[in-house]
Each structure stands twice: as C-alpha cells, then as structure tokens.
Amino acid sequence: MSEDLEVWIDQDLCTGDGLCVQYAADVFELDIDGLAYVKDGDGELRLAAGQRVPVPADLVLNVIDSAKECPGECIHVHRRSDGAPVAGPLAED
C-alpha cells in the first residue's frame, strides 16, 4: 500500500484491550485512563478527540491489522489524500 495513511482512535468506543499497542507500539499507547491513543513520530500522545497521526510506511500493515482486530472497532485508518477509509468500522471489507 503506497498511499499516505493517517490513523485516529475514537476513545468513546475504546475498550482498553491494548491489542493495538501489541500490533504497533510506535503508533498506539494506553494512557493512565486505560484507553488507547495515537502518538506522533516523536512519541507524544495525541489526547484531543479525533487527533490524527500519519502512519509510518513500515507499520502500515500492523496498523491496518490493529484496526481490523480491535474489539471496540474504534481505530480508523484513512487515506490522507481523500479521506477514504482503508481500515476500521467505516471501511468496506
């Protein structure tokens, strides 16, 4: 997959299972509230609702897998160019 992707988490749906962290710890992290958040390339958590971060090219498959396997169906992966969903609850299988 060569297109630039971005990812965000809907914390209202997050179950705190941490599967996303297992798939891509460079992109996801559980905060002290027990919910998962995305983090940028510097490792800084993006705590505001709907915060999006770019998906590193070497982690595209891991991030897509995390969205597919997430029990809360709260991880959204979109193309940056047109906003089309690639993985997550809004993506077509």
C-alpha atoms as a PDB file:
ATOM      1  CA  MET A   1       0.000   0.000   0.000  1.00  0.00           C
ATOM      2  CA  SER A   2       1.775   3.116  -1.156  1.00  0.00           C
ATOM      3  CA  GLU A   3      -0.689   5.887  -0.321  1.00  0.00           C
ATOM      4  CA  ASP A   4      -0.111   8.049   2.712  1.00  0.00           C
ATOM      5  CA  LEU A   5      -2.369   6.974   5.543  1.00  0.00           C
ATOM      6  CA  GLU A   6      -3.423   8.529   8.825  1.00  0.00           C
ATOM      7  CA  VAL A   7      -4.972   6.919  11.881  1.00  0.00           C
ATOM      8  CA  TRP A   8      -7.121   8.034  14.792  1.00  0.00           C
ATOM      9  CA  ILE A   9      -8.966   6.386  17.670  1.00  0.00           C
ATOM     10  CA  ASP A  10     -12.499   7.037  18.879  1.00  0.00           C
ATOM     11  CA  GLN A  11     -11.921   6.859  22.649  1.00  0.00           C
ATOM     12  CA  ASP A  12     -15.698   6.683  23.259  1.00  0.00           C
ATOM     13  CA  LEU A  13     -15.594   3.184  21.754  1.00  0.00           C
ATOM     14  CA  CYS A  14     -12.176   2.077  23.052  1.00  0.00           C
ATOM     15  CA  THR A  15     -12.332  -0.979  25.310  1.00  0.00           C
ATOM     16  CA  GLY A  16      -8.727  -0.641  26.501  1.00  0.00           C
ATOM     17  CA  ASP A  17      -7.753  -4.150  25.421  1.00  0.00           C
ATOM     18  CA  GLY A  18      -4.391  -2.926  24.152  1.00  0.00           C
ATOM     19  CA  LEU A  19      -4.292  -5.079  21.016  1.00  0.00           C
ATOM     20  CA  CYS A  20      -3.369  -2.003  19.004  1.00  0.00           C
ATOM     21  CA  VAL A  21      -0.310  -1.445  21.198  1.00  0.00           C
ATOM     22  CA  GLN A  22       0.739  -5.040  20.593  1.00  0.00           C
ATOM     23  CA  TYR A  23       0.459  -4.520  16.838  1.00  0.00           C
ATOM     24  CA  ALA A  24       2.097  -1.086  16.604  1.00  0.00           C
ATOM     25  CA  ALA A  25       3.577   0.316  19.824  1.00  0.00           C
ATOM     26  CA  ASP A  26       5.182   3.147  17.843  1.00  0.00           C
ATOM     27  CA  VAL A  27       1.717   4.418  16.876  1.00  0.00           C
ATOM     28  CA  PHE A  28      -0.562   3.460  19.791  1.00  0.00           C
ATOM     29  CA  GLU A  29      -0.256   3.722  23.560  1.00  0.00           C
ATOM     30  CA  LEU A  30      -2.545   3.155  26.523  1.00  0.00           C
ATOM     31  CA  ASP A  31      -2.802   6.221  28.749  1.00  0.00           C
ATOM     32  CA  ILE A  32      -3.429   6.291  32.506  1.00  0.00           C
ATOM     33  CA  ASP A  33      -7.180   6.372  31.833  1.00  0.00           C
ATOM     34  CA  GLY A  34      -6.879   2.861  30.343  1.00  0.00           C
ATOM     35  CA  LEU A  35      -7.769   3.993  26.827  1.00  0.00           C
ATOM     36  CA  ALA A  36      -5.654   3.856  23.687  1.00  0.00           C
ATOM     37  CA  TYR A  37      -4.415   6.976  21.938  1.00  0.00           C
ATOM     38  CA  VAL A  38      -2.343   7.626  18.841  1.00  0.00           C
ATOM     39  CA  LYS A  39       1.081   9.175  19.122  1.00  0.00           C
ATOM     40  CA  ASP A  40       3.153  11.102  16.642  1.00  0.00           C
ATOM     41  CA  GLY A  41       6.625  10.300  15.346  1.00  0.00           C
ATOM     42  CA  ASP A  42       8.165  11.933  18.424  1.00  0.00           C
ATOM     43  CA  GLY A  43       6.234   9.582  20.701  1.00  0.00           C
ATOM     44  CA  GLU A  44       3.932  12.324  22.030  1.00  0.00           C
ATOM     45  CA  LEU A  45       0.389  11.162  22.804  1.00  0.00           C
ATOM     46  CA  ARG A  46      -2.375  12.980  20.964  1.00  0.00           C
ATOM     47  CA  LEU A  47      -5.044  13.223  23.657  1.00  0.00           C
ATOM     48  CA  ALA A  48      -7.579  15.502  21.975  1.00  0.00           C
ATOM     49  CA  ALA A  49     -10.595  13.777  20.447  1.00  0.00           C
ATOM     50  CA  GLY A  50     -10.156  12.908  16.783  1.00  0.00           C
ATOM     51  CA  GLN A  51      -6.428  13.635  16.678  1.00  0.00           C
ATOM     52  CA  ARG A  52      -4.887  12.019  13.616  1.00  0.00           C
ATOM     53  CA  VAL A  53      -1.304  10.995  13.017  1.00  0.00           C
ATOM     54  CA  PRO A  54       0.447   9.745   9.883  1.00  0.00           C
ATOM     55  CA  VAL A  55       1.025   6.008   9.659  1.00  0.00           C
ATOM     56  CA  PRO A  56       4.737   5.215   9.238  1.00  0.00           C
ATOM     57  CA  ALA A  57       5.316   3.311   5.982  1.00  0.00           C
ATOM     58  CA  ASP A  58       6.938   0.377   7.779  1.00  0.00           C
ATOM     59  CA  LEU A  59       3.907  -0.025  10.076  1.00  0.00           C
ATOM     60  CA  VAL A  60       1.058   0.228   7.550  1.00  0.00           C
ATOM     61  CA  LEU A  61       0.144  -3.464   7.709  1.00  0.00           C
ATOM     62  CA  ASN A  62       0.387  -3.552  11.513  1.00  0.00           C
ATOM     63  CA  VAL A  63      -1.872  -0.505  11.873  1.00  0.00           C
ATOM     64  CA  ILE A  64      -4.405  -1.922   9.405  1.00  0.00           C
ATOM     65  CA  ASP A  65      -4.375  -5.246  11.276  1.00  0.00           C
ATOM     66  CA  SER A  66      -4.908  -3.434  14.571  1.00  0.00           C
ATOM     67  CA  ALA A  67      -7.970  -1.690  13.128  1.00  0.00           C
ATOM     68  CA  LYS A  68      -9.366  -4.981  11.832  1.00  0.00           C
ATOM     69  CA  GLU A  69      -8.771  -6.848  15.107  1.00  0.00           C
ATOM     70  CA  CYS A  70      -9.836  -4.097  17.531  1.00  0.00           C
ATOM     71  CA  PRO A  71     -12.713  -5.414  19.698  1.00  0.00           C
ATOM     72  CA  GLY A  72     -14.054  -1.875  20.177  1.00  0.00           C
ATOM     73  CA  GLU A  73     -13.981  -1.123  16.436  1.00  0.00           C
ATOM     74  CA  CYS A  74     -12.598   2.293  17.330  1.00  0.00           C
ATOM     75  CA  ILE A  75      -9.479   2.560  15.141  1.00  0.00           C
ATOM     76  CA  HIS A  76      -9.914   4.499  11.898  1.00  0.00           C
ATOM     77  CA  VAL A  77      -7.323   4.340   9.114  1.00  0.00           C
ATOM     78  CA  HIS A  78      -7.882   6.759   6.223  1.00  0.00           C
ATOM     79  CA  ARG A  79      -6.021   7.881   3.117  1.00  0.00           C
ATOM     80  CA  ARG A  80      -4.674  11.359   3.686  1.00  0.00           C
ATOM     81  CA  SER A  81      -5.275  12.414   0.064  1.00  0.00           C
ATOM     82  CA  ASP A  82      -9.060  11.988   0.017  1.00  0.00           C
ATOM     83  CA  GLY A  83     -10.066  10.811   3.494  1.00  0.00           C
ATOM     84  CA  ALA A  84     -11.308   7.464   2.216  1.00  0.00           C
ATOM     85  CA  PRO A  85     -11.447   4.780   4.920  1.00  0.00           C
ATOM     86  CA  VAL A  86      -8.916   1.983   4.428  1.00  0.00           C
ATOM     87  CA  ALA A  87      -9.494   0.024   7.641  1.00  0.00           C
ATOM     88  CA  GLY A  88     -11.766   0.313  10.623  1.00  0.00           C
ATOM     89  CA  PRO A  89     -15.523   0.474  11.134  1.00  0.00           C
ATOM     90  CA  LEU A  90     -16.187   2.726   8.114  1.00  0.00           C
ATOM     91  CA  ALA A  91     -14.081   0.717   5.643  1.00  0.00           C
ATOM     92  CA  GLU A  92     -15.588  -1.829   3.308  1.00  0.00           C
ATOM     93  CA  ASP A  93     -14.100  -5.284   3.649  1.00  0.00           C
END
